Amino acid sequence: MTSRKVEILVGLFVAAAIAAFFMLAMSVSNMGSYANKESYLLSAHFDNVGGLKVRSAVSAGGVGIGRVTDIQYNSETYEAIVIMAIDKKYDRFPMDTAASILTSGLLGEQYVSFEPGAEEDYLKNGDSIDLTQSALVLEQVIGQFLFSQADDN
């Protein structure tokens, strides 16, 4: 009877560990905070989105204001188009707001950051952000550094 209790306890411990790992995976992949809130859509054109993914965060001043909902490639302009759903309560971004792709954390998770401008008219559903800064790609920076070192020698 004692070995049966130990087996049951071990089974419960393994089940709890699997549930904990599942919750951790959901938290890291941003699926835990993925909810259908009332939002409006904005788009931005970037030369390079780096490792930006669908469901990546959109923030302003370090505060999460939305999520990336889609990333497409425009073969006519050779640019990536990022579609973002911004929470309805953050509906006062000026028309000259700038969007940048930045990296956070040690794992290099990328997100879109908004830098509000000064215009009096505000972005609305379906508008496009014209001022953008693409992702900093580490391989390109290293390549530029190596080429500049080769030129010096």
N, C-alpha and C. Protein backbone atom coordinates (compact mmCIF):
# COMPACT_ATOMS: atom_id res chain seq x y z
N MET A 1 0.81 -1.19 0.00
CA MET A 1 0.00 0.00 0.00
C MET A 1 0.86 1.26 0.00
N THR A 2 2.00 1.23 0.62
CA THR A 2 2.87 2.40 0.69
C THR A 2 3.44 2.74 -0.68
N SER A 3 3.82 1.73 -1.44
CA SER A 3 4.38 2.00 -2.78
C SER A 3 3.30 2.58 -3.70
N ARG A 4 2.07 2.21 -3.50
CA ARG A 4 0.97 2.75 -4.31
C ARG A 4 0.80 4.25 -4.03
N LYS A 5 0.90 4.65 -2.76
CA LYS A 5 0.80 6.07 -2.40
C LYS A 5 1.95 6.87 -2.99
N VAL A 6 3.15 6.29 -2.96
CA VAL A 6 4.31 6.96 -3.53
C VAL A 6 4.13 7.15 -5.03
N GLU A 7 3.63 6.14 -5.72
CA GLU A 7 3.39 6.24 -7.16
C GLU A 7 2.37 7.33 -7.48
N ILE A 8 1.32 7.41 -6.69
CA ILE A 8 0.30 8.44 -6.89
C ILE A 8 0.89 9.83 -6.65
N LEU A 9 1.68 9.99 -5.58
CA LEU A 9 2.32 11.28 -5.30
C LEU A 9 3.28 11.69 -6.42
N VAL A 10 4.06 10.74 -6.91
CA VAL A 10 4.97 11.03 -8.02
C VAL A 10 4.19 11.42 -9.26
N GLY A 11 3.10 10.74 -9.53
CA GLY A 11 2.25 11.08 -10.67
C GLY A 11 1.68 12.47 -10.56
N LEU A 12 1.20 12.84 -9.37
CA LEU A 12 0.68 14.19 -9.15
C LEU A 12 1.77 15.24 -9.31
N PHE A 13 2.97 14.93 -8.83
CA PHE A 13 4.09 15.86 -8.96
C PHE A 13 4.45 16.07 -10.43
N VAL A 14 4.48 15.00 -11.21
CA VAL A 14 4.79 15.10 -12.64
C VAL A 14 3.70 15.91 -13.35
N ALA A 15 2.45 15.68 -13.03
CA ALA A 15 1.35 16.43 -13.65
C ALA A 15 1.46 17.91 -13.30
N ALA A 16 1.80 18.23 -12.06
CA ALA A 16 1.97 19.63 -11.66
C ALA A 16 3.14 20.27 -12.39
N ALA A 17 4.22 19.54 -12.57
CA ALA A 17 5.39 20.06 -13.30
C ALA A 17 5.05 20.33 -14.76
N ILE A 18 4.30 19.44 -15.39
CA ILE A 18 3.89 19.65 -16.78
C ILE A 18 3.00 20.88 -16.89
N ALA A 19 2.08 21.05 -15.96
CA ALA A 19 1.21 22.22 -15.97
C ALA A 19 2.02 23.50 -15.77
N ALA A 20 3.03 23.47 -14.89
CA ALA A 20 3.88 24.65 -14.66
C ALA A 20 4.67 24.99 -15.91
N PHE A 21 5.23 24.00 -16.59
CA PHE A 21 5.97 24.24 -17.83
C PHE A 21 5.06 24.80 -18.92
N PHE A 22 3.84 24.31 -18.98
CA PHE A 22 2.87 24.82 -19.96
C PHE A 22 2.57 26.30 -19.69
N MET A 23 2.34 26.66 -18.44
CA MET A 23 2.07 28.06 -18.09
C MET A 23 3.28 28.94 -18.40
N LEU A 24 4.48 28.45 -18.14
CA LEU A 24 5.70 29.19 -18.45
C LEU A 24 5.83 29.40 -19.95
N ALA A 25 5.56 28.37 -20.74
CA ALA A 25 5.65 28.49 -22.20
C ALA A 25 4.63 29.48 -22.72
N MET A 26 3.42 29.49 -22.18
CA MET A 26 2.41 30.44 -22.60
C MET A 26 2.81 31.87 -22.25
N SER A 27 3.41 32.04 -21.11
CA SER A 27 3.84 33.36 -20.68
C SER A 27 4.97 33.89 -21.55
N VAL A 28 5.95 33.06 -21.86
CA VAL A 28 7.09 33.47 -22.67
C VAL A 28 6.67 33.76 -24.10
N SER A 29 5.71 33.03 -24.63
CA SER A 29 5.29 33.20 -26.03
C SER A 29 4.21 34.26 -26.20
N ASN A 30 3.89 34.99 -25.14
CA ASN A 30 2.88 36.05 -25.17
C ASN A 30 1.48 35.53 -25.45
N MET A 31 1.24 34.26 -25.35
CA MET A 31 -0.10 33.74 -25.58
C MET A 31 -0.99 33.95 -24.36
N GLY A 32 -0.40 34.04 -23.19
CA GLY A 32 -1.19 34.21 -21.98
C GLY A 32 -1.92 35.54 -21.94
N SER A 33 -1.34 36.57 -22.51
CA SER A 33 -1.96 37.89 -22.49
C SER A 33 -2.66 38.21 -23.79
N TYR A 34 -2.84 37.23 -24.63
CA TYR A 34 -3.47 37.45 -25.93
C TYR A 34 -4.98 37.38 -25.76
N ALA A 35 -5.63 38.52 -25.87
CA ALA A 35 -7.07 38.57 -25.69
C ALA A 35 -7.67 39.47 -26.75
N ASN A 36 -8.92 39.25 -27.08
CA ASN A 36 -9.61 40.08 -28.07
C ASN A 36 -10.18 41.31 -27.38
N LYS A 37 -9.38 42.35 -27.33
CA LYS A 37 -9.84 43.62 -26.78
C LYS A 37 -10.32 44.49 -27.94
N GLU A 38 -11.10 45.50 -27.60
CA GLU A 38 -11.54 46.44 -28.62
C GLU A 38 -10.32 47.24 -29.07
N SER A 39 -10.07 47.24 -30.38
CA SER A 39 -8.85 47.86 -30.89
C SER A 39 -9.09 48.46 -32.27
N TYR A 40 -8.09 49.20 -32.73
CA TYR A 40 -8.10 49.72 -34.09
C TYR A 40 -6.78 49.35 -34.75
N LEU A 41 -6.76 49.27 -36.09
CA LEU A 41 -5.60 48.78 -36.83
C LEU A 41 -4.79 49.93 -37.41
N LEU A 42 -3.47 49.81 -37.27
CA LEU A 42 -2.52 50.71 -37.90
C LEU A 42 -1.51 49.87 -38.66
N SER A 43 -0.92 50.44 -39.70
CA SER A 43 0.13 49.73 -40.43
C SER A 43 1.38 50.59 -40.50
N ALA A 44 2.51 49.94 -40.72
CA ALA A 44 3.78 50.63 -40.87
C ALA A 44 4.63 49.84 -41.85
N HIS A 45 5.41 50.54 -42.67
CA HIS A 45 6.28 49.91 -43.66
C HIS A 45 7.72 49.96 -43.17
N PHE A 46 8.38 48.81 -43.17
CA PHE A 46 9.77 48.71 -42.71
C PHE A 46 10.61 48.06 -43.80
N ASP A 47 11.89 48.48 -43.90
CA ASP A 47 12.82 47.83 -44.82
C ASP A 47 13.17 46.43 -44.32
N ASN A 48 13.28 46.27 -43.00
CA ASN A 48 13.67 44.99 -42.42
C ASN A 48 12.99 44.86 -41.06
N VAL A 49 12.25 43.78 -40.85
CA VAL A 49 11.59 43.57 -39.57
C VAL A 49 12.39 42.67 -38.63
N GLY A 50 13.53 42.18 -39.10
CA GLY A 50 14.36 41.33 -38.24
C GLY A 50 13.61 40.11 -37.77
N GLY A 51 13.55 39.90 -36.45
CA GLY A 51 12.87 38.75 -35.87
C GLY A 51 11.50 39.08 -35.33
N LEU A 52 10.90 40.18 -35.77
CA LEU A 52 9.56 40.54 -35.32
C LEU A 52 8.58 39.46 -35.75
N LYS A 53 7.65 39.14 -34.87
CA LYS A 53 6.68 38.07 -35.15
C LYS A 53 5.27 38.56 -34.88
N VAL A 54 4.32 37.83 -35.45
CA VAL A 54 2.92 38.08 -35.13
C VAL A 54 2.74 37.85 -33.62
N ARG A 55 1.96 38.68 -32.97
CA ARG A 55 1.72 38.70 -31.52
C ARG A 55 2.84 39.39 -30.75
N SER A 56 3.85 39.95 -31.44
CA SER A 56 4.86 40.74 -30.73
C SER A 56 4.19 41.98 -30.15
N ALA A 57 4.77 42.49 -29.10
CA ALA A 57 4.20 43.64 -28.40
C ALA A 57 4.38 44.93 -29.19
N VAL A 58 3.46 45.84 -28.99
CA VAL A 58 3.57 47.22 -29.45
C VAL A 58 3.51 48.07 -28.20
N SER A 59 4.50 48.96 -28.02
CA SER A 59 4.52 49.75 -26.80
C SER A 59 4.81 51.21 -27.10
N ALA A 60 4.47 52.05 -26.13
CA ALA A 60 4.78 53.49 -26.18
C ALA A 60 5.20 53.88 -24.78
N GLY A 61 6.39 54.42 -24.65
CA GLY A 61 6.88 54.79 -23.33
C GLY A 61 7.06 53.60 -22.41
N GLY A 62 7.28 52.42 -22.95
CA GLY A 62 7.46 51.23 -22.14
C GLY A 62 6.17 50.56 -21.71
N VAL A 63 5.03 51.10 -22.12
CA VAL A 63 3.73 50.54 -21.75
C VAL A 63 3.15 49.80 -22.94
N GLY A 64 2.69 48.58 -22.73
CA GLY A 64 2.08 47.80 -23.81
C GLY A 64 0.77 48.42 -24.26
N ILE A 65 0.67 48.71 -25.56
CA ILE A 65 -0.55 49.34 -26.07
C ILE A 65 -1.24 48.50 -27.14
N GLY A 66 -0.61 47.40 -27.55
CA GLY A 66 -1.21 46.57 -28.58
C GLY A 66 -0.33 45.41 -28.97
N ARG A 67 -0.69 44.79 -30.10
CA ARG A 67 0.03 43.62 -30.60
C ARG A 67 0.16 43.69 -32.12
N VAL A 68 1.19 43.05 -32.65
CA VAL A 68 1.33 42.88 -34.09
C VAL A 68 0.37 41.78 -34.51
N THR A 69 -0.48 42.06 -35.51
CA THR A 69 -1.46 41.06 -35.93
C THR A 69 -1.09 40.38 -37.24
N ASP A 70 -0.27 41.04 -38.06
CA ASP A 70 0.08 40.46 -39.36
C ASP A 70 1.36 41.11 -39.88
N ILE A 71 2.17 40.33 -40.59
CA ILE A 71 3.36 40.85 -41.26
C ILE A 71 3.32 40.34 -42.69
N GLN A 72 3.35 41.27 -43.64
CA GLN A 72 3.28 40.92 -45.06
C GLN A 72 4.48 41.52 -45.79
N TYR A 73 4.71 41.05 -47.01
CA TYR A 73 5.78 41.59 -47.84
C TYR A 73 5.18 42.20 -49.10
N ASN A 74 5.53 43.45 -49.39
CA ASN A 74 5.06 44.13 -50.58
C ASN A 74 6.14 43.99 -51.65
N SER A 75 5.87 43.19 -52.68
CA SER A 75 6.88 42.92 -53.71
C SER A 75 7.05 44.08 -54.69
N GLU A 76 6.19 45.09 -54.62
CA GLU A 76 6.35 46.27 -55.47
C GLU A 76 7.29 47.29 -54.85
N THR A 77 7.16 47.51 -53.54
CA THR A 77 8.02 48.48 -52.86
C THR A 77 9.19 47.81 -52.13
N TYR A 78 9.20 46.46 -52.09
CA TYR A 78 10.25 45.68 -51.43
C TYR A 78 10.35 46.03 -49.94
N GLU A 79 9.22 46.17 -49.31
CA GLU A 79 9.16 46.49 -47.90
C GLU A 79 8.25 45.50 -47.18
N ALA A 80 8.49 45.37 -45.89
CA ALA A 80 7.60 44.58 -45.04
C ALA A 80 6.52 45.51 -44.49
N ILE A 81 5.29 45.03 -44.47
CA ILE A 81 4.17 45.79 -43.93
C ILE A 81 3.75 45.11 -42.64
N VAL A 82 3.80 45.88 -41.55
CA VAL A 82 3.42 45.37 -40.24
C VAL A 82 2.07 45.96 -39.87
N ILE A 83 1.10 45.07 -39.61
CA ILE A 83 -0.24 45.48 -39.20
C ILE A 83 -0.32 45.30 -37.68
N MET A 84 -0.78 46.34 -36.99
CA MET A 84 -0.82 46.32 -35.53
C MET A 84 -2.22 46.64 -35.03
N ALA A 85 -2.67 45.92 -34.03
CA ALA A 85 -3.94 46.21 -33.35
C ALA A 85 -3.61 46.97 -32.08
N ILE A 86 -4.07 48.22 -32.01
CA ILE A 86 -3.81 49.08 -30.87
C ILE A 86 -5.09 49.18 -30.03
N ASP A 87 -4.95 49.00 -28.72
CA ASP A 87 -6.11 49.08 -27.83
C ASP A 87 -6.83 50.41 -28.02
N LYS A 88 -8.14 50.35 -28.03
CA LYS A 88 -8.99 51.52 -28.30
C LYS A 88 -8.74 52.66 -27.31
N LYS A 89 -8.34 52.32 -26.09
CA LYS A 89 -8.13 53.39 -25.10
C LYS A 89 -6.90 54.23 -25.40
N TYR A 90 -6.03 53.77 -26.32
CA TYR A 90 -4.86 54.54 -26.73
C TYR A 90 -5.09 55.08 -28.14
N ASP A 91 -6.07 55.95 -28.29
CA ASP A 91 -6.46 56.42 -29.62
C ASP A 91 -6.02 57.85 -29.91
N ARG A 92 -5.04 58.35 -29.18
CA ARG A 92 -4.60 59.73 -29.37
C ARG A 92 -3.13 59.82 -29.75
N PHE A 93 -2.73 59.04 -30.74
CA PHE A 93 -1.36 59.15 -31.27
C PHE A 93 -1.38 60.12 -32.44
N PRO A 94 -0.51 61.15 -32.42
CA PRO A 94 -0.47 62.12 -33.51
C PRO A 94 -0.10 61.47 -34.85
N MET A 95 -0.47 62.14 -35.93
CA MET A 95 -0.21 61.63 -37.29
C MET A 95 1.29 61.45 -37.56
N ASP A 96 2.16 62.23 -36.90
CA ASP A 96 3.59 62.14 -37.15
C ASP A 96 4.30 61.24 -36.13
N THR A 97 3.56 60.27 -35.57
CA THR A 97 4.16 59.29 -34.67
C THR A 97 5.15 58.42 -35.44
N ALA A 98 6.27 58.11 -34.80
CA ALA A 98 7.30 57.26 -35.41
C ALA A 98 7.23 55.86 -34.80
N ALA A 99 7.47 54.84 -35.62
CA ALA A 99 7.48 53.45 -35.15
C ALA A 99 8.87 52.86 -35.39
N SER A 100 9.42 52.23 -34.37
CA SER A 100 10.73 51.60 -34.47
C SER A 100 10.63 50.16 -33.99
N ILE A 101 11.45 49.30 -34.58
CA ILE A 101 11.53 47.92 -34.10
C ILE A 101 12.74 47.83 -33.20
N LEU A 102 12.50 47.51 -31.93
CA LEU A 102 13.55 47.45 -30.92
C LEU A 102 13.65 46.04 -30.36
N THR A 103 14.71 45.80 -29.62
CA THR A 103 14.95 44.50 -29.00
C THR A 103 14.91 44.65 -27.49
N SER A 104 14.24 43.73 -26.82
CA SER A 104 14.20 43.76 -25.36
C SER A 104 14.68 42.44 -24.79
N GLY A 105 15.25 42.51 -23.63
CA GLY A 105 15.63 41.30 -22.92
C GLY A 105 16.85 40.61 -23.47
N LEU A 106 17.30 39.61 -22.72
CA LEU A 106 18.49 38.85 -23.11
C LEU A 106 18.22 37.90 -24.27
N LEU A 107 16.98 37.48 -24.42
CA LEU A 107 16.65 36.53 -25.48
C LEU A 107 16.45 37.22 -26.82
N GLY A 108 16.45 38.55 -26.84
CA GLY A 108 16.34 39.27 -28.10
C GLY A 108 14.94 39.35 -28.66
N GLU A 109 13.92 39.34 -27.80
CA GLU A 109 12.54 39.48 -28.26
C GLU A 109 12.37 40.87 -28.86
N GLN A 110 11.82 40.94 -30.06
CA GLN A 110 11.65 42.23 -30.71
C GLN A 110 10.21 42.72 -30.58
N TYR A 111 10.06 44.04 -30.55
CA TYR A 111 8.75 44.66 -30.41
C TYR A 111 8.75 45.97 -31.18
N VAL A 112 7.56 46.52 -31.39
CA VAL A 112 7.41 47.81 -32.07
C VAL A 112 7.21 48.87 -31.00
N SER A 113 7.98 49.94 -31.09
CA SER A 113 7.88 51.03 -30.15
C SER A 113 7.39 52.28 -30.86
N PHE A 114 6.41 52.96 -30.28
CA PHE A 114 5.88 54.21 -30.83
C PHE A 114 6.53 55.39 -30.12
N GLU A 115 6.90 56.39 -30.89
CA GLU A 115 7.38 57.67 -30.37
C GLU A 115 6.43 58.74 -30.88
N PRO A 116 5.54 59.24 -30.02
CA PRO A 116 4.53 60.21 -30.48
C PRO A 116 5.16 61.49 -31.01
N GLY A 117 4.51 62.08 -31.99
CA GLY A 117 4.94 63.34 -32.57
C GLY A 117 4.21 64.50 -31.94
N ALA A 118 4.03 65.58 -32.73
CA ALA A 118 3.44 66.80 -32.17
C ALA A 118 2.24 67.32 -32.97
N GLU A 119 1.83 66.61 -34.00
CA GLU A 119 0.69 67.10 -34.79
C GLU A 119 -0.60 67.06 -33.98
N GLU A 120 -1.55 67.86 -34.42
CA GLU A 120 -2.82 67.92 -33.69
C GLU A 120 -3.83 66.89 -34.18
N ASP A 121 -3.65 66.37 -35.40
CA ASP A 121 -4.53 65.32 -35.90
C ASP A 121 -4.01 63.96 -35.42
N TYR A 122 -4.95 63.03 -35.15
CA TYR A 122 -4.58 61.74 -34.58
C TYR A 122 -4.77 60.62 -35.59
N LEU A 123 -3.96 59.56 -35.41
CA LEU A 123 -4.10 58.36 -36.23
C LEU A 123 -5.44 57.71 -35.93
N LYS A 124 -6.06 57.13 -36.96
CA LYS A 124 -7.34 56.44 -36.77
C LYS A 124 -7.27 55.08 -37.47
N ASN A 125 -8.29 54.30 -37.32
CA ASN A 125 -8.33 52.95 -37.87
C ASN A 125 -7.97 52.94 -39.36
N GLY A 126 -7.02 52.10 -39.72
CA GLY A 126 -6.62 51.95 -41.12
C GLY A 126 -5.50 52.86 -41.57
N ASP A 127 -5.07 53.80 -40.72
CA ASP A 127 -3.98 54.72 -41.10
C ASP A 127 -2.64 54.00 -41.11
N SER A 128 -1.68 54.63 -41.79
CA SER A 128 -0.33 54.09 -41.88
C SER A 128 0.66 55.05 -41.23
N ILE A 129 1.60 54.51 -40.50
CA ILE A 129 2.66 55.31 -39.89
C ILE A 129 3.77 55.46 -40.91
N ASP A 130 4.12 56.71 -41.23
CA ASP A 130 5.10 56.97 -42.29
C ASP A 130 6.54 56.97 -41.77
N LEU A 131 6.76 57.41 -40.56
CA LEU A 131 8.11 57.50 -40.00
C LEU A 131 8.45 56.19 -39.30
N THR A 132 9.34 55.42 -39.89
CA THR A 132 9.70 54.12 -39.32
C THR A 132 11.20 53.94 -39.27
N GLN A 133 11.64 53.11 -38.33
CA GLN A 133 13.04 52.73 -38.23
C GLN A 133 13.08 51.21 -38.14
N SER A 134 13.77 50.59 -39.09
CA SER A 134 13.82 49.13 -39.17
C SER A 134 14.62 48.53 -38.02
N ALA A 135 14.52 47.22 -37.91
CA ALA A 135 15.23 46.48 -36.88
C ALA A 135 16.73 46.55 -37.11
N LEU A 136 17.48 46.59 -36.02
CA LEU A 136 18.93 46.54 -36.08
C LEU A 136 19.32 45.07 -36.16
N VAL A 137 19.92 44.68 -37.28
CA VAL A 137 20.29 43.28 -37.48
C VAL A 137 21.77 43.14 -37.12
N LEU A 138 22.05 42.33 -36.12
CA LEU A 138 23.39 42.18 -35.59
C LEU A 138 24.40 41.75 -36.66
N GLU A 139 23.98 40.87 -37.55
CA GLU A 139 24.89 40.40 -38.60
C GLU A 139 25.34 41.54 -39.51
N GLN A 140 24.42 42.48 -39.81
CA GLN A 140 24.78 43.61 -40.65
C GLN A 140 25.75 44.54 -39.94
N VAL A 141 25.55 44.76 -38.65
CA VAL A 141 26.44 45.62 -37.89
C VAL A 141 27.84 45.01 -37.83
N ILE A 142 27.92 43.71 -37.57
CA ILE A 142 29.21 43.04 -37.52
C ILE A 142 29.88 43.09 -38.89
N GLY A 143 29.11 42.88 -39.96
CA GLY A 143 29.66 42.95 -41.31
C GLY A 143 30.21 44.33 -41.63
N GLN A 144 29.49 45.38 -41.25
CA GLN A 144 29.97 46.74 -41.48
C GLN A 144 31.24 47.01 -40.69
N PHE A 145 31.30 46.51 -39.47
CA PHE A 145 32.49 46.68 -38.65
C PHE A 145 33.69 45.98 -39.28
N LEU A 146 33.49 44.74 -39.74
CA LEU A 146 34.59 44.00 -40.36
C LEU A 146 35.08 44.66 -41.63
N PHE A 147 34.13 45.16 -42.46
CA PHE A 147 34.53 45.85 -43.70
C PHE A 147 35.28 47.13 -43.38
N SER A 148 34.87 47.87 -42.34
CA SER A 148 35.59 49.10 -41.99
C SER A 148 36.99 48.79 -41.47
N GLN A 149 37.14 47.66 -40.74
CA GLN A 149 38.45 47.25 -40.28
C GLN A 149 39.35 46.82 -41.44
N ALA A 150 38.77 46.17 -42.44
CA ALA A 150 39.53 45.74 -43.60
C ALA A 150 39.99 46.95 -44.41
N ASP A 151 39.16 47.98 -44.49
CA ASP A 151 39.52 49.20 -45.22
C ASP A 151 40.65 49.93 -44.51
N ASP A 152 40.68 49.89 -43.18
CA ASP A 152 41.74 50.58 -42.42
C ASP A 152 43.09 49.91 -42.63
N ASN A 153 43.08 48.60 -42.87
CA ASN A 153 44.34 47.86 -43.04
C ASN A 153 44.72 47.96 -44.48
